[in-house]
Amino acid sequence: MWEQHFIETDRGTFEVFKSGNGEPICITHLYSEYDSRGNLFANPFADHYTVYLVNLRGCGNSTDDNTIYNYSLQDSVEDLEAIRRSLGIEKWIFAGHSTGGMLALKYAITHPKSLVHIVAGGLCASYEYMHHPDSIYCPENPNNKRIKQIFALLRNPESTLEERRAVSKEWILMSLCNEENYEKMISRPNSGKTVSKRLDYFSHEEFPTYDLRSHLQQTQTKAFFYCGRHDAQCPYPYSDEAAALMPNATMWTFEESNHFPFVEEEEKFKEFIRSTL
């Protein structure tokens, strides 16, 4: 189990779950909520690092005060900076998957002096991935109609727990190369449920103009990128593009993975983490 902590900052109080030993690493996702079970992406990092798994503004028991700050990428980075300062950490690593990886890019651009390096994957540096037919979020993708229905059900406060679990399973199955890996995912302690208000904010307020590519070329932050070759959410070319744009980046490819290489190629992903030490 992960230890629950409440971190008082000048931007509010944030719920953080801590595990492991070693160099400090911060992990979060742009619109996920964590608890003491940890997270399938974060768990293997705890074998080598002291992991701070953060509930961002509006998630879990963290502050949801939006009178001054909001759910944007920039304010999320500033909230993480406030947490880092309150913990007394001079520099830490940031790791993120999917939109957590997009947050990693923003962090690397805006606060490079606070970071040892970033670890990020299954991501994109611009809105263009939504136009790639291999992405389930593209209107041309055969799963797009269903994924929109799934999101609508998850947003509906009247949806039952059973309905939410059923459609969440569908979403996951679209993002696995091998459906047999689903049982491996659900058999392990895990948290990270979708927080719809943060997803909606990103989708409607930031996504239409989201493009960090020109900024990535200017940052000297060291970066370790990864992606599944068959990623159906953020197709492989977009993680590869981000790695190519950053001057101090490396890229790992998981040939037998979709969106979750830390599940589908677990041992190779652990090898990848060791390479970041």
C-alpha atoms as a PDB file:
ATOM      1  CA  MET A   1       0.000   0.000   0.000  1.00  0.00           C
ATOM      2  CA  TRP A   2       1.089   3.539  -0.702  1.00  0.00           C
ATOM      3  CA  GLU A   3       1.376   6.072   2.136  1.00  0.00           C
ATOM      4  CA  GLN A   4      -1.125   8.918   1.998  1.00  0.00           C
ATOM      5  CA  HIS A   5       0.177  12.437   2.642  1.00  0.00           C
ATOM      6  CA  PHE A   6      -1.384  15.892   2.488  1.00  0.00           C
ATOM      7  CA  ILE A   7       1.007  18.568   1.244  1.00  0.00           C
ATOM      8  CA  GLU A   8       0.231  22.153   2.225  1.00  0.00           C
ATOM      9  CA  THR A   9       1.353  24.624  -0.440  1.00  0.00           C
ATOM     10  CA  ASP A  10       0.804  28.277  -1.300  1.00  0.00           C
ATOM     11  CA  ARG A  11      -1.600  27.060  -4.018  1.00  0.00           C
ATOM     12  CA  GLY A  12      -3.712  24.775  -1.836  1.00  0.00           C
ATOM     13  CA  THR A  13      -3.511  21.340  -0.200  1.00  0.00           C
ATOM     14  CA  PHE A  14      -2.701  18.315  -2.352  1.00  0.00           C
ATOM     15  CA  GLU A  15      -3.137  14.608  -1.693  1.00  0.00           C
ATOM     16  CA  VAL A  16       0.030  12.650  -2.493  1.00  0.00           C
ATOM     17  CA  PHE A  17       0.753   8.922  -2.227  1.00  0.00           C
ATOM     18  CA  LYS A  18       4.346   7.913  -1.522  1.00  0.00           C
ATOM     19  CA  SER A  19       6.243   4.651  -2.051  1.00  0.00           C
ATOM     20  CA  GLY A  20       9.777   3.372  -2.638  1.00  0.00           C
ATOM     21  CA  ASN A  21      13.282   4.602  -1.915  1.00  0.00           C
ATOM     22  CA  GLY A  22      15.860   6.500  -3.896  1.00  0.00           C
ATOM     23  CA  GLU A  23      15.943   9.662  -5.980  1.00  0.00           C
ATOM     24  CA  PRO A  24      12.611  11.560  -5.897  1.00  0.00           C
ATOM     25  CA  ILE A  25      10.279  11.171  -8.850  1.00  0.00           C
ATOM     26  CA  CYS A  26       6.868  12.781  -9.303  1.00  0.00           C
ATOM     27  CA  ILE A  27       4.201  10.891 -11.262  1.00  0.00           C
ATOM     28  CA  THR A  28       0.709  11.939 -12.260  1.00  0.00           C
ATOM     29  CA  HIS A  29      -1.785  12.036 -15.125  1.00  0.00           C
ATOM     30  CA  LEU A  30      -3.701  15.070 -16.329  1.00  0.00           C
ATOM     31  CA  TYR A  31      -7.150  13.710 -15.437  1.00  0.00           C
ATOM     32  CA  SER A  32      -6.753  10.661 -13.180  1.00  0.00           C
ATOM     33  CA  GLU A  33      -7.483  10.151  -9.482  1.00  0.00           C
ATOM     34  CA  TYR A  34      -5.274   7.889  -7.336  1.00  0.00           C
ATOM     35  CA  ASP A  35      -5.556   6.148  -3.987  1.00  0.00           C
ATOM     36  CA  SER A  36      -3.457   3.931  -1.709  1.00  0.00           C
ATOM     37  CA  ARG A  37      -3.422   1.078  -4.244  1.00  0.00           C
ATOM     38  CA  GLY A  38      -0.921   2.998  -6.351  1.00  0.00           C
ATOM     39  CA  ASN A  39      -0.957   2.714 -10.127  1.00  0.00           C
ATOM     40  CA  LEU A  40       0.228   0.187 -12.716  1.00  0.00           C
ATOM     41  CA  PHE A  41       2.433   2.787 -14.417  1.00  0.00           C
ATOM     42  CA  ALA A  42       3.851   4.183 -11.177  1.00  0.00           C
ATOM     43  CA  ASN A  43       4.395   0.906  -9.308  1.00  0.00           C
ATOM     44  CA  PRO A  44       7.571  -0.306 -11.096  1.00  0.00           C
ATOM     45  CA  PHE A  45       9.278   3.056 -10.532  1.00  0.00           C
ATOM     46  CA  ALA A  46       9.033   2.463  -6.764  1.00  0.00           C
ATOM     47  CA  ASP A  47      11.626  -0.319  -7.115  1.00  0.00           C
ATOM     48  CA  HIS A  48      14.262   2.345  -7.836  1.00  0.00           C
ATOM     49  CA  TYR A  49      12.904   5.755  -6.832  1.00  0.00           C
ATOM     50  CA  THR A  50      10.992   7.498  -4.060  1.00  0.00           C
ATOM     51  CA  VAL A  51       7.740   8.025  -5.919  1.00  0.00           C
ATOM     52  CA  TYR A  52       5.315  10.858  -5.236  1.00  0.00           C
ATOM     53  CA  LEU A  53       2.021   9.957  -6.924  1.00  0.00           C
ATOM     54  CA  VAL A  54       0.035  13.196  -7.056  1.00  0.00           C
ATOM     55  CA  ASN A  55      -3.675  13.880  -7.178  1.00  0.00           C
ATOM     56  CA  LEU A  56      -3.898  17.117  -9.132  1.00  0.00           C
ATOM     57  CA  ARG A  57      -6.382  19.914  -8.445  1.00  0.00           C
ATOM     58  CA  GLY A  58      -9.899  18.479  -8.416  1.00  0.00           C
ATOM     59  CA  CYS A  59      -8.761  14.868  -7.994  1.00  0.00           C
ATOM     60  CA  GLY A  60      -9.234  12.762  -4.869  1.00  0.00           C
ATOM     61  CA  ASN A  61      -8.835  14.807  -1.708  1.00  0.00           C
ATOM     62  CA  SER A  62      -6.734  17.540  -3.300  1.00  0.00           C
ATOM     63  CA  THR A  63      -7.976  21.123  -3.403  1.00  0.00           C
ATOM     64  CA  ASP A  64     -10.633  21.914  -5.978  1.00  0.00           C
ATOM     65  CA  ASP A  65     -10.453  25.672  -5.559  1.00  0.00           C
ATOM     66  CA  ASN A  66     -10.658  27.249  -9.009  1.00  0.00           C
ATOM     67  CA  THR A  67     -11.149  30.861  -7.973  1.00  0.00           C
ATOM     68  CA  ILE A  68      -7.581  31.715  -9.023  1.00  0.00           C
ATOM     69  CA  TYR A  69      -6.158  28.598 -10.698  1.00  0.00           C
ATOM     70  CA  ASN A  70      -7.673  26.064 -13.098  1.00  0.00           C
ATOM     71  CA  TYR A  71      -7.120  22.588 -14.596  1.00  0.00           C
ATOM     72  CA  SER A  72      -4.822  23.729 -17.407  1.00  0.00           C
ATOM     73  CA  LEU A  73      -1.461  22.161 -18.216  1.00  0.00           C
ATOM     74  CA  GLN A  74       0.297  25.331 -17.065  1.00  0.00           C
ATOM     75  CA  ASP A  75      -1.505  25.578 -13.721  1.00  0.00           C
ATOM     76  CA  SER A  76      -1.007  21.832 -13.198  1.00  0.00           C
ATOM     77  CA  VAL A  77       2.746  22.287 -13.645  1.00  0.00           C
ATOM     78  CA  GLU A  78       2.716  25.241 -11.242  1.00  0.00           C
ATOM     79  CA  ASP A  79       0.809  23.130  -8.696  1.00  0.00           C
ATOM     80  CA  LEU A  80       3.479  20.429  -9.010  1.00  0.00           C
ATOM     81  CA  GLU A  81       6.157  23.063  -8.496  1.00  0.00           C
ATOM     82  CA  ALA A  82       4.393  24.207  -5.326  1.00  0.00           C
ATOM     83  CA  ILE A  83       4.348  20.614  -4.070  1.00  0.00           C
ATOM     84  CA  ARG A  84       8.054  20.190  -4.864  1.00  0.00           C
ATOM     85  CA  ARG A  85       8.932  23.351  -2.929  1.00  0.00           C
ATOM     86  CA  SER A  86       6.824  22.312   0.065  1.00  0.00           C
ATOM     87  CA  LEU A  87       8.563  18.930   0.142  1.00  0.00           C
ATOM     88  CA  GLY A  88      11.933  20.697   0.191  1.00  0.00           C
ATOM     89  CA  ILE A  89      13.125  18.952  -2.963  1.00  0.00           C
ATOM     90  CA  GLU A  90      15.583  20.972  -5.045  1.00  0.00           C
ATOM     91  CA  LYS A  91      15.154  18.863  -8.201  1.00  0.00           C
ATOM     92  CA  TRP A  92      13.129  15.801  -9.067  1.00  0.00           C
ATOM     93  CA  ILE A  93      12.285  13.630 -12.020  1.00  0.00           C
ATOM     94  CA  PHE A  94       8.850  13.793 -13.570  1.00  0.00           C
ATOM     95  CA  ALA A  95       7.243  10.765 -15.225  1.00  0.00           C
ATOM     96  CA  GLY A  96       3.945  10.651 -17.053  1.00  0.00           C
ATOM     97  CA  HIS A  97       2.018   8.399 -19.405  1.00  0.00           C
ATOM     98  CA  SER A  98      -0.453   9.547 -22.096  1.00  0.00           C
ATOM     99  CA  THR A  99      -1.696  13.022 -21.066  1.00  0.00           C
ATOM    100  CA  GLY A 100       0.660  12.645 -18.109  1.00  0.00           C
ATOM    101  CA  GLY A 101       3.363  12.564 -20.772  1.00  0.00           C
ATOM    102  CA  MET A 102       1.980  15.747 -22.291  1.00  0.00           C
ATOM    103  CA  LEU A 103       2.240  17.301 -18.839  1.00  0.00           C
ATOM    104  CA  ALA A 104       5.871  16.125 -18.743  1.00  0.00           C
ATOM    105  CA  LEU A 105       6.551  18.035 -21.969  1.00  0.00           C
ATOM    106  CA  LYS A 106       5.014  21.199 -20.531  1.00  0.00           C
ATOM    107  CA  TYR A 107       7.039  20.781 -17.332  1.00  0.00           C
ATOM    108  CA  ALA A 108      10.282  20.324 -19.290  1.00  0.00           C
ATOM    109  CA  ILE A 109       9.602  23.505 -21.249  1.00  0.00           C
ATOM    110  CA  THR A 110       8.536  25.764 -18.374  1.00  0.00           C
ATOM    111  CA  HIS A 111      10.676  24.599 -15.429  1.00  0.00           C
ATOM    112  CA  PRO A 112      13.788  22.832 -16.728  1.00  0.00           C
ATOM    113  CA  LYS A 113      15.839  23.876 -13.685  1.00  0.00           C
ATOM    114  CA  SER A 114      13.491  21.919 -11.390  1.00  0.00           C
ATOM    115  CA  LEU A 115      13.968  18.661 -13.271  1.00  0.00           C
ATOM    116  CA  VAL A 116      16.714  16.068 -13.356  1.00  0.00           C
ATOM    117  CA  HIS A 117      14.964  14.640 -16.426  1.00  0.00           C
ATOM    118  CA  ILE A 118      11.546  13.498 -17.630  1.00  0.00           C
ATOM    119  CA  VAL A 119      10.222  10.033 -18.474  1.00  0.00           C
ATOM    120  CA  ALA A 120       7.260  10.123 -20.835  1.00  0.00           C
ATOM    121  CA  GLY A 121       5.404   7.993 -23.351  1.00  0.00           C
ATOM    122  CA  GLY A 122       2.200   7.209 -25.195  1.00  0.00           C
ATOM    123  CA  LEU A 123       1.911  10.946 -25.830  1.00  0.00           C
ATOM    124  CA  CYS A 124       1.800  13.661 -28.454  1.00  0.00           C
ATOM    125  CA  ALA A 125       3.197  17.176 -28.641  1.00  0.00           C
ATOM    126  CA  SER A 126       0.248  18.612 -30.578  1.00  0.00           C
ATOM    127  CA  TYR A 127      -3.427  18.183 -31.398  1.00  0.00           C
ATOM    128  CA  GLU A 128      -2.557  16.471 -34.683  1.00  0.00           C
ATOM    129  CA  TYR A 129      -2.794  12.942 -33.272  1.00  0.00           C
ATOM    130  CA  MET A 130      -6.577  13.345 -33.282  1.00  0.00           C
ATOM    131  CA  HIS A 131      -6.444  13.382 -37.076  1.00  0.00           C
ATOM    132  CA  HIS A 132      -4.457  10.154 -37.398  1.00  0.00           C
ATOM    133  CA  PRO A 133      -6.738   7.285 -38.509  1.00  0.00           C
ATOM    134  CA  ASP A 134      -4.927   4.839 -36.209  1.00  0.00           C
ATOM    135  CA  SER A 135      -6.105   6.799 -33.164  1.00  0.00           C
ATOM    136  CA  ILE A 136      -9.437   5.794 -31.664  1.00  0.00           C
ATOM    137  CA  TYR A 137     -10.073   9.522 -31.139  1.00  0.00           C
ATOM    138  CA  CYS A 138      -9.997  10.231 -34.882  1.00  0.00           C
ATOM    139  CA  PRO A 139     -13.433  10.344 -36.612  1.00  0.00           C
ATOM    140  CA  GLU A 140     -12.056   8.067 -39.336  1.00  0.00           C
ATOM    141  CA  ASN A 141     -11.209   5.297 -36.865  1.00  0.00           C
ATOM    142  CA  PRO A 142     -13.762   2.449 -36.702  1.00  0.00           C
ATOM    143  CA  ASN A 143     -13.814   2.649 -32.868  1.00  0.00           C
ATOM    144  CA  ASN A 144     -14.415   6.396 -32.733  1.00  0.00           C
ATOM    145  CA  LYS A 145     -18.201   6.298 -32.570  1.00  0.00           C
ATOM    146  CA  ARG A 146     -18.089   3.848 -29.676  1.00  0.00           C
ATOM    147  CA  ILE A 147     -15.414   5.745 -27.742  1.00  0.00           C
ATOM    148  CA  LYS A 148     -17.607   8.866 -27.860  1.00  0.00           C
ATOM    149  CA  GLN A 149     -20.487   6.839 -26.440  1.00  0.00           C
ATOM    150  CA  ILE A 150     -18.188   5.537 -23.703  1.00  0.00           C
ATOM    151  CA  PHE A 151     -17.108   9.057 -22.727  1.00  0.00           C
ATOM    152  CA  ALA A 152     -20.729  10.200 -22.623  1.00  0.00           C
ATOM    153  CA  LEU A 153     -21.623   7.372 -20.277  1.00  0.00           C
ATOM    154  CA  LEU A 154     -18.634   8.065 -18.025  1.00  0.00           C
ATOM    155  CA  ARG A 155     -19.666  11.730 -17.802  1.00  0.00           C
ATOM    156  CA  ASN A 156     -23.253  10.881 -16.951  1.00  0.00           C
ATOM    157  CA  PRO A 157     -23.739  11.090 -13.161  1.00  0.00           C
ATOM    158  CA  GLU A 158     -26.668   8.671 -13.456  1.00  0.00           C
ATOM    159  CA  SER A 159     -24.506   5.873 -14.876  1.00  0.00           C
ATOM    160  CA  THR A 160     -24.271   2.902 -12.530  1.00  0.00           C
ATOM    161  CA  LEU A 161     -21.001   1.483 -11.264  1.00  0.00           C
ATOM    162  CA  GLU A 162     -21.588  -1.654 -13.337  1.00  0.00           C
ATOM    163  CA  GLU A 163     -22.090   0.431 -16.493  1.00  0.00           C
ATOM    164  CA  ARG A 164     -18.941   2.421 -15.817  1.00  0.00           C
ATOM    165  CA  ARG A 165     -16.897  -0.719 -15.279  1.00  0.00           C
ATOM    166  CA  ALA A 166     -18.240  -2.295 -18.464  1.00  0.00           C
ATOM    167  CA  VAL A 167     -17.412   0.646 -20.727  1.00  0.00           C
ATOM    168  CA  SER A 168     -14.062   1.204 -19.026  1.00  0.00           C
ATOM    169  CA  LYS A 169     -13.224  -2.381 -19.949  1.00  0.00           C
ATOM    170  CA  GLU A 170     -14.148  -1.671 -23.575  1.00  0.00           C
ATOM    171  CA  TRP A 171     -11.872   1.385 -23.584  1.00  0.00           C
ATOM    172  CA  ILE A 172      -8.983  -0.659 -22.191  1.00  0.00           C
ATOM    173  CA  LEU A 173      -9.499  -3.510 -24.659  1.00  0.00           C
ATOM    174  CA  MET A 174      -9.244  -1.038 -27.550  1.00  0.00           C
ATOM    175  CA  SER A 175      -5.832  -0.108 -26.135  1.00  0.00           C
ATOM    176  CA  LEU A 176      -4.300  -3.579 -25.772  1.00  0.00           C
ATOM    177  CA  CYS A 177      -2.575  -5.678 -28.412  1.00  0.00           C
ATOM    178  CA  ASN A 178      -3.598  -8.881 -26.691  1.00  0.00           C
ATOM    179  CA  GLU A 179      -6.922  -9.071 -24.872  1.00  0.00           C
ATOM    180  CA  GLU A 180      -5.463 -11.693 -22.528  1.00  0.00           C
ATOM    181  CA  ASN A 181      -3.480  -8.892 -20.883  1.00  0.00           C
ATOM    182  CA  TYR A 182      -6.717  -7.401 -19.577  1.00  0.00           C
ATOM    183  CA  GLU A 183      -6.905 -10.061 -16.875  1.00  0.00           C
ATOM    184  CA  LYS A 184      -3.354  -9.225 -15.840  1.00  0.00           C
ATOM    185  CA  MET A 185      -4.327  -5.564 -15.526  1.00  0.00           C
ATOM    186  CA  ILE A 186      -7.402  -6.059 -13.384  1.00  0.00           C
ATOM    187  CA  SER A 187      -5.817  -8.688 -11.136  1.00  0.00           C
ATOM    188  CA  ARG A 188      -3.313  -6.210  -9.690  1.00  0.00           C
ATOM    189  CA  PRO A 189      -3.758  -3.319  -7.259  1.00  0.00           C
ATOM    190  CA  ASN A 190      -4.383  -0.198  -9.298  1.00  0.00           C
ATOM    191  CA  SER A 191      -6.056   3.203  -9.167  1.00  0.00           C
ATOM    192  CA  GLY A 192      -6.426   6.053 -11.625  1.00  0.00           C
ATOM    193  CA  LYS A 193     -10.083   6.549 -12.446  1.00  0.00           C
ATOM    194  CA  THR A 194     -10.976   9.260 -14.953  1.00  0.00           C
ATOM    195  CA  VAL A 195     -11.955  12.655 -13.530  1.00  0.00           C
ATOM    196  CA  SER A 196     -14.383  13.910 -16.165  1.00  0.00           C
ATOM    197  CA  LYS A 197     -14.225  17.618 -15.294  1.00  0.00           C
ATOM    198  CA  ARG A 198     -10.476  17.657 -15.915  1.00  0.00           C
ATOM    199  CA  LEU A 199     -10.823  15.617 -19.114  1.00  0.00           C
ATOM    200  CA  ASP A 200     -13.511  18.016 -20.328  1.00  0.00           C
ATOM    201  CA  TYR A 201     -11.349  21.040 -19.539  1.00  0.00           C
ATOM    202  CA  PHE A 202      -8.477  19.668 -21.593  1.00  0.00           C
ATOM    203  CA  SER A 203     -10.753  18.578 -24.445  1.00  0.00           C
ATOM    204  CA  HIS A 204     -12.625  21.869 -24.767  1.00  0.00           C
ATOM    205  CA  GLU A 205     -10.288  24.554 -23.429  1.00  0.00           C
ATOM    206  CA  GLU A 206      -6.767  23.440 -24.333  1.00  0.00           C
ATOM    207  CA  PHE A 207      -6.807  20.735 -26.957  1.00  0.00           C
ATOM    208  CA  PRO A 208      -7.927  22.901 -29.929  1.00  0.00           C
ATOM    209  CA  THR A 209      -4.691  24.928 -29.737  1.00  0.00           C
ATOM    210  CA  TYR A 210      -2.414  22.373 -28.039  1.00  0.00           C
ATOM    211  CA  ASP A 211       0.976  22.420 -29.785  1.00  0.00           C
ATOM    212  CA  LEU A 212       4.313  22.331 -27.935  1.00  0.00           C
ATOM    213  CA  ARG A 213       6.517  21.317 -30.859  1.00  0.00           C
ATOM    214  CA  SER A 214       8.328  24.593 -31.457  1.00  0.00           C
ATOM    215  CA  HIS A 215       9.115  24.889 -27.727  1.00  0.00           C
ATOM    216  CA  LEU A 216      10.540  21.370 -27.479  1.00  0.00           C
ATOM    217  CA  GLN A 217      13.320  22.262 -29.870  1.00  0.00           C
ATOM    218  CA  GLN A 218      14.547  24.908 -27.431  1.00  0.00           C
ATOM    219  CA  THR A 219      14.588  22.935 -24.174  1.00  0.00           C
ATOM    220  CA  GLN A 220      17.731  21.178 -23.000  1.00  0.00           C
ATOM    221  CA  THR A 221      15.886  18.983 -20.483  1.00  0.00           C
ATOM    222  CA  LYS A 222      17.007  15.369 -20.691  1.00  0.00           C
ATOM    223  CA  ALA A 223      14.151  13.061 -21.694  1.00  0.00           C
ATOM    224  CA  PHE A 224      13.490   9.329 -21.862  1.00  0.00           C
ATOM    225  CA  PHE A 225      10.624   8.567 -24.236  1.00  0.00           C
ATOM    226  CA  TYR A 226       8.842   5.282 -24.928  1.00  0.00           C
ATOM    227  CA  CYS A 227       5.808   4.082 -26.866  1.00  0.00           C
ATOM    228  CA  GLY A 228       4.050   0.930 -27.977  1.00  0.00           C
ATOM    229  CA  ARG A 229       4.372   0.363 -31.707  1.00  0.00           C
ATOM    230  CA  HIS A 230       0.611  -0.252 -31.961  1.00  0.00           C
ATOM    231  CA  ASP A 231      -0.632   2.559 -29.703  1.00  0.00           C
ATOM    232  CA  ALA A 232      -4.309   3.151 -30.561  1.00  0.00           C
ATOM    233  CA  GLN A 233      -4.736   6.267 -28.431  1.00  0.00           C
ATOM    234  CA  CYS A 234      -1.660   8.368 -29.271  1.00  0.00           C
ATOM    235  CA  PRO A 235      -0.113   6.581 -32.274  1.00  0.00           C
ATOM    236  CA  TYR A 236       3.591   5.780 -32.183  1.00  0.00           C
ATOM    237  CA  PRO A 237       4.748   8.500 -34.639  1.00  0.00           C
ATOM    238  CA  TYR A 238       3.818  11.220 -32.138  1.00  0.00           C
ATOM    239  CA  SER A 239       6.009   9.994 -29.253  1.00  0.00           C
ATOM    240  CA  ASP A 240       8.742   9.456 -31.828  1.00  0.00           C
ATOM    241  CA  GLU A 241       8.264  13.013 -33.094  1.00  0.00           C
ATOM    242  CA  ALA A 242       8.578  14.488 -29.594  1.00  0.00           C
ATOM    243  CA  ALA A 243      11.777  12.510 -29.004  1.00  0.00           C
ATOM    244  CA  ALA A 244      13.213  13.710 -32.306  1.00  0.00           C
ATOM    245  CA  LEU A 245      12.426  17.338 -31.492  1.00  0.00           C
ATOM    246  CA  MET A 246      14.122  17.414 -28.077  1.00  0.00           C
ATOM    247  CA  PRO A 247      17.932  17.744 -28.302  1.00  0.00           C
ATOM    248  CA  ASN A 248      18.639  15.490 -25.286  1.00  0.00           C
ATOM    249  CA  ALA A 249      16.089  12.713 -25.750  1.00  0.00           C
ATOM    250  CA  THR A 250      16.202   8.953 -26.278  1.00  0.00           C
ATOM    251  CA  MET A 251      13.389   6.720 -27.518  1.00  0.00           C
ATOM    252  CA  TRP A 252      12.408   3.145 -26.590  1.00  0.00           C
ATOM    253  CA  THR A 253      10.032   1.208 -28.821  1.00  0.00           C
ATOM    254  CA  PHE A 254       7.830  -1.591 -27.497  1.00  0.00           C
ATOM    255  CA  GLU A 255       7.103  -3.697 -30.549  1.00  0.00           C
ATOM    256  CA  GLU A 256       4.410  -5.887 -28.978  1.00  0.00           C
ATOM    257  CA  SER A 257       2.459  -3.183 -27.150  1.00  0.00           C
ATOM    258  CA  ASN A 258      -0.490  -0.925 -27.695  1.00  0.00           C
ATOM    259  CA  HIS A 259      -1.059   1.938 -25.185  1.00  0.00           C
ATOM    260  CA  PHE A 260       0.127   0.053 -22.080  1.00  0.00           C
ATOM    261  CA  PRO A 261       3.683  -1.307 -22.559  1.00  0.00           C
ATOM    262  CA  PHE A 262       4.171  -1.393 -18.767  1.00  0.00           C
ATOM    263  CA  VAL A 263       1.563  -4.189 -18.807  1.00  0.00           C
ATOM    264  CA  GLU A 264       2.018  -5.831 -22.210  1.00  0.00           C
ATOM    265  CA  GLU A 265       5.845  -5.936 -22.101  1.00  0.00           C
ATOM    266  CA  GLU A 266       6.329  -5.707 -18.371  1.00  0.00           C
ATOM    267  CA  GLU A 267       9.904  -7.015 -18.128  1.00  0.00           C
ATOM    268  CA  LYS A 268      11.136  -4.865 -20.989  1.00  0.00           C
ATOM    269  CA  PHE A 269       9.468  -1.853 -19.373  1.00  0.00           C
ATOM    270  CA  LYS A 270      11.318  -2.576 -16.139  1.00  0.00           C
ATOM    271  CA  GLU A 271      14.531  -2.667 -18.190  1.00  0.00           C
ATOM    272  CA  PHE A 272      13.551   0.708 -19.641  1.00  0.00           C
ATOM    273  CA  ILE A 273      13.101   2.139 -16.137  1.00  0.00           C
ATOM    274  CA  ARG A 274      16.542   0.859 -15.132  1.00  0.00           C
ATOM    275  CA  SER A 275      17.998   2.686 -18.120  1.00  0.00           C
ATOM    276  CA  THR A 276      16.725   5.979 -16.650  1.00  0.00           C
ATOM    277  CA  LEU A 277      18.696   5.600 -13.407  1.00  0.00           C
END
